[in-house]
N, C-alpha and C. Protein backbone atom coordinates (compact mmCIF):
# COMPACT_ATOMS: atom_id res chain seq x y z
N MET A 1 118.10 59.63 49.42
CA MET A 1 117.58 60.98 49.46
C MET A 1 116.80 61.18 50.76
N ILE A 2 117.14 62.21 51.49
CA ILE A 2 116.45 62.52 52.73
C ILE A 2 115.21 63.34 52.41
N GLN A 3 114.09 62.94 53.02
CA GLN A 3 112.85 63.67 52.80
C GLN A 3 112.31 64.13 54.14
N ARG A 4 111.58 65.20 54.11
CA ARG A 4 110.95 65.69 55.34
C ARG A 4 109.75 64.82 55.64
N LEU A 5 109.65 64.43 56.89
CA LEU A 5 108.58 63.53 57.29
C LEU A 5 108.14 63.92 58.69
N SER A 6 106.89 64.27 58.84
CA SER A 6 106.39 64.64 60.17
C SER A 6 106.21 63.40 61.03
N GLN A 7 106.10 63.61 62.32
CA GLN A 7 105.83 62.49 63.22
C GLN A 7 104.51 61.82 62.86
N SER A 8 103.51 62.60 62.49
CA SER A 8 102.22 62.04 62.11
C SER A 8 102.33 61.21 60.84
N ASP A 9 103.11 61.70 59.87
CA ASP A 9 103.32 60.95 58.63
C ASP A 9 104.06 59.65 58.90
N LEU A 10 105.08 59.72 59.76
CA LEU A 10 105.82 58.50 60.11
C LEU A 10 104.90 57.53 60.82
N ALA A 11 104.08 58.00 61.73
CA ALA A 11 103.13 57.13 62.43
C ALA A 11 102.19 56.45 61.44
N ALA A 12 101.71 57.19 60.45
CA ALA A 12 100.81 56.61 59.44
C ALA A 12 101.52 55.54 58.63
N ARG A 13 102.76 55.81 58.23
CA ARG A 13 103.52 54.81 57.45
C ARG A 13 103.80 53.56 58.28
N LEU A 14 104.08 53.75 59.57
CA LEU A 14 104.32 52.60 60.43
C LEU A 14 103.05 51.79 60.62
N GLN A 15 101.91 52.45 60.72
CA GLN A 15 100.65 51.74 60.89
C GLN A 15 100.31 50.90 59.68
N VAL A 16 100.68 51.35 58.49
CA VAL A 16 100.49 50.56 57.27
C VAL A 16 101.29 49.26 57.38
N GLU A 17 102.42 49.32 58.08
CA GLU A 17 103.28 48.14 58.29
C GLU A 17 102.90 47.37 59.56
N ARG A 18 101.75 47.71 60.12
CA ARG A 18 101.21 47.05 61.31
C ARG A 18 102.00 47.30 62.60
N VAL A 19 102.64 48.45 62.67
CA VAL A 19 103.28 48.91 63.90
C VAL A 19 102.47 50.11 64.37
N MET A 20 101.77 49.94 65.47
CA MET A 20 100.84 50.96 65.94
C MET A 20 101.54 51.92 66.91
N LEU A 21 102.14 52.93 66.34
CA LEU A 21 102.77 53.99 67.13
C LEU A 21 102.05 55.29 66.81
N GLU A 22 101.64 56.00 67.82
CA GLU A 22 101.01 57.31 67.62
C GLU A 22 102.09 58.38 67.58
N ARG A 23 101.71 59.56 67.17
CA ARG A 23 102.65 60.67 67.07
C ARG A 23 103.33 60.96 68.40
N ASP A 24 102.58 60.89 69.50
CA ASP A 24 103.19 61.17 70.80
C ASP A 24 104.22 60.10 71.19
N SER A 25 104.01 58.87 70.77
CA SER A 25 105.01 57.82 71.03
C SER A 25 106.28 58.09 70.24
N ILE A 26 106.14 58.54 69.01
CA ILE A 26 107.30 58.88 68.20
C ILE A 26 108.04 60.06 68.82
N SER A 27 107.31 61.01 69.34
CA SER A 27 107.93 62.14 70.03
C SER A 27 108.74 61.66 71.22
N ARG A 28 108.20 60.73 71.99
CA ARG A 28 108.93 60.21 73.16
C ARG A 28 110.16 59.41 72.74
N ILE A 29 110.08 58.70 71.62
CA ILE A 29 111.25 58.00 71.09
C ILE A 29 112.33 59.03 70.74
N GLU A 30 111.90 60.10 70.09
CA GLU A 30 112.82 61.15 69.67
C GLU A 30 113.58 61.74 70.84
N ILE A 31 112.90 61.98 71.95
CA ILE A 31 113.57 62.60 73.10
C ILE A 31 114.16 61.58 74.07
N GLY A 32 114.00 60.30 73.74
CA GLY A 32 114.66 59.26 74.53
C GLY A 32 113.92 58.79 75.75
N THR A 33 112.62 59.03 75.83
CA THR A 33 111.86 58.58 77.00
C THR A 33 110.99 57.36 76.72
N ARG A 34 111.10 56.80 75.51
CA ARG A 34 110.37 55.58 75.17
C ARG A 34 111.31 54.58 74.54
N PHE A 35 111.23 53.37 75.01
CA PHE A 35 112.01 52.26 74.48
C PHE A 35 111.49 51.88 73.09
N VAL A 36 112.39 51.50 72.20
CA VAL A 36 112.01 51.01 70.87
C VAL A 36 112.32 49.52 70.82
N SER A 37 111.30 48.72 70.55
CA SER A 37 111.50 47.27 70.48
C SER A 37 112.24 46.90 69.20
N ASP A 38 112.76 45.68 69.17
CA ASP A 38 113.50 45.23 68.00
C ASP A 38 112.62 45.20 66.75
N TYR A 39 111.39 44.75 66.87
CA TYR A 39 110.53 44.69 65.68
C TYR A 39 110.14 46.09 65.22
N GLU A 40 109.95 47.02 66.17
CA GLU A 40 109.64 48.40 65.78
C GLU A 40 110.83 49.02 65.05
N LEU A 41 112.02 48.79 65.56
CA LEU A 41 113.23 49.33 64.95
C LEU A 41 113.38 48.84 63.51
N LYS A 42 113.12 47.57 63.31
CA LYS A 42 113.23 46.98 61.97
C LYS A 42 112.26 47.66 61.00
N ILE A 43 111.03 47.88 61.43
CA ILE A 43 110.03 48.50 60.56
C ILE A 43 110.31 49.99 60.38
N ILE A 44 110.77 50.67 61.41
CA ILE A 44 111.14 52.08 61.27
C ILE A 44 112.22 52.23 60.21
N ALA A 45 113.23 51.36 60.26
CA ALA A 45 114.30 51.39 59.26
C ALA A 45 113.73 51.15 57.86
N LYS A 46 112.82 50.19 57.75
CA LYS A 46 112.21 49.89 56.45
C LYS A 46 111.45 51.10 55.91
N VAL A 47 110.63 51.71 56.75
CA VAL A 47 109.82 52.85 56.34
C VAL A 47 110.70 54.04 55.95
N LEU A 48 111.83 54.22 56.66
CA LEU A 48 112.73 55.32 56.35
C LEU A 48 113.73 54.98 55.24
N ASN A 49 113.67 53.73 54.78
CA ASN A 49 114.53 53.26 53.70
C ASN A 49 116.02 53.33 54.05
N VAL A 50 116.33 52.89 55.28
CA VAL A 50 117.71 52.78 55.74
C VAL A 50 117.85 51.43 56.44
N ASN A 51 119.09 50.97 56.64
CA ASN A 51 119.24 49.73 57.38
C ASN A 51 119.32 50.02 58.88
N VAL A 52 119.04 49.02 59.67
CA VAL A 52 118.99 49.18 61.13
C VAL A 52 120.34 49.66 61.67
N GLU A 53 121.42 49.09 61.17
CA GLU A 53 122.75 49.47 61.65
C GLU A 53 123.01 50.96 61.43
N TRP A 54 122.63 51.44 60.26
CA TRP A 54 122.83 52.85 59.96
C TRP A 54 121.95 53.72 60.86
N LEU A 55 120.73 53.27 61.08
CA LEU A 55 119.80 54.03 61.91
C LEU A 55 120.34 54.14 63.34
N LEU A 56 121.00 53.10 63.83
CA LEU A 56 121.53 53.11 65.18
C LEU A 56 122.87 53.83 65.30
N SER A 57 123.51 54.08 64.18
CA SER A 57 124.81 54.73 64.22
C SER A 57 124.67 56.17 64.67
N GLU A 58 125.76 56.71 65.13
CA GLU A 58 125.76 58.10 65.57
C GLU A 58 126.52 58.97 64.58
N THR A 59 126.45 58.61 63.31
CA THR A 59 127.10 59.41 62.28
C THR A 59 126.32 60.70 62.07
N PRO A 60 126.98 61.71 61.55
CA PRO A 60 126.25 62.96 61.27
C PRO A 60 125.08 62.74 60.33
N GLN A 61 125.22 61.83 59.36
CA GLN A 61 124.13 61.59 58.42
C GLN A 61 122.91 60.98 59.12
N ALA A 62 123.14 60.03 60.02
CA ALA A 62 122.03 59.42 60.74
C ALA A 62 121.36 60.43 61.65
N MET A 63 122.15 61.28 62.28
CA MET A 63 121.58 62.30 63.15
C MET A 63 120.78 63.31 62.33
N MET A 64 121.27 63.64 61.13
CA MET A 64 120.55 64.55 60.25
C MET A 64 119.21 63.95 59.82
N LEU A 65 119.21 62.65 59.50
CA LEU A 65 117.97 61.98 59.13
C LEU A 65 116.97 62.10 60.26
N SER A 66 117.42 61.91 61.47
CA SER A 66 116.55 62.01 62.62
C SER A 66 115.96 63.42 62.73
N LEU A 67 116.79 64.41 62.55
CA LEU A 67 116.30 65.79 62.61
C LEU A 67 115.31 66.09 61.51
N TRP A 68 115.60 65.66 60.29
CA TRP A 68 114.70 65.92 59.17
C TRP A 68 113.37 65.20 59.36
N CYS A 69 113.42 63.97 59.86
CA CYS A 69 112.18 63.20 60.00
C CYS A 69 111.29 63.74 61.11
N PHE A 70 111.88 64.21 62.18
CA PHE A 70 111.09 64.55 63.35
C PHE A 70 110.93 66.03 63.61
N ALA A 71 111.60 66.87 62.85
CA ALA A 71 111.57 68.30 63.13
C ALA A 71 110.24 68.94 62.74
N PHE A 72 109.49 68.32 61.90
CA PHE A 72 108.28 68.96 61.37
C PHE A 72 107.04 68.25 61.90
N HIS A 73 106.71 68.47 63.15
CA HIS A 73 105.55 67.81 63.75
C HIS A 73 104.52 68.79 64.24
């Protein structure tokens, strides 16, 4: 189930998992100006409840997840 998640909410969930990303860092990831490390990617997938392979795919569903997660900031 896809849920709406703001950049701030995602940042808070990541911080609970000991990944310190601020909202502006997530924004830069979204627009492609910030590199995502392997450990960050693993935790982002965990927090979003998807696997890393799916998160990296360019399927319409993965792209939709990205839009839903980051559109409300």
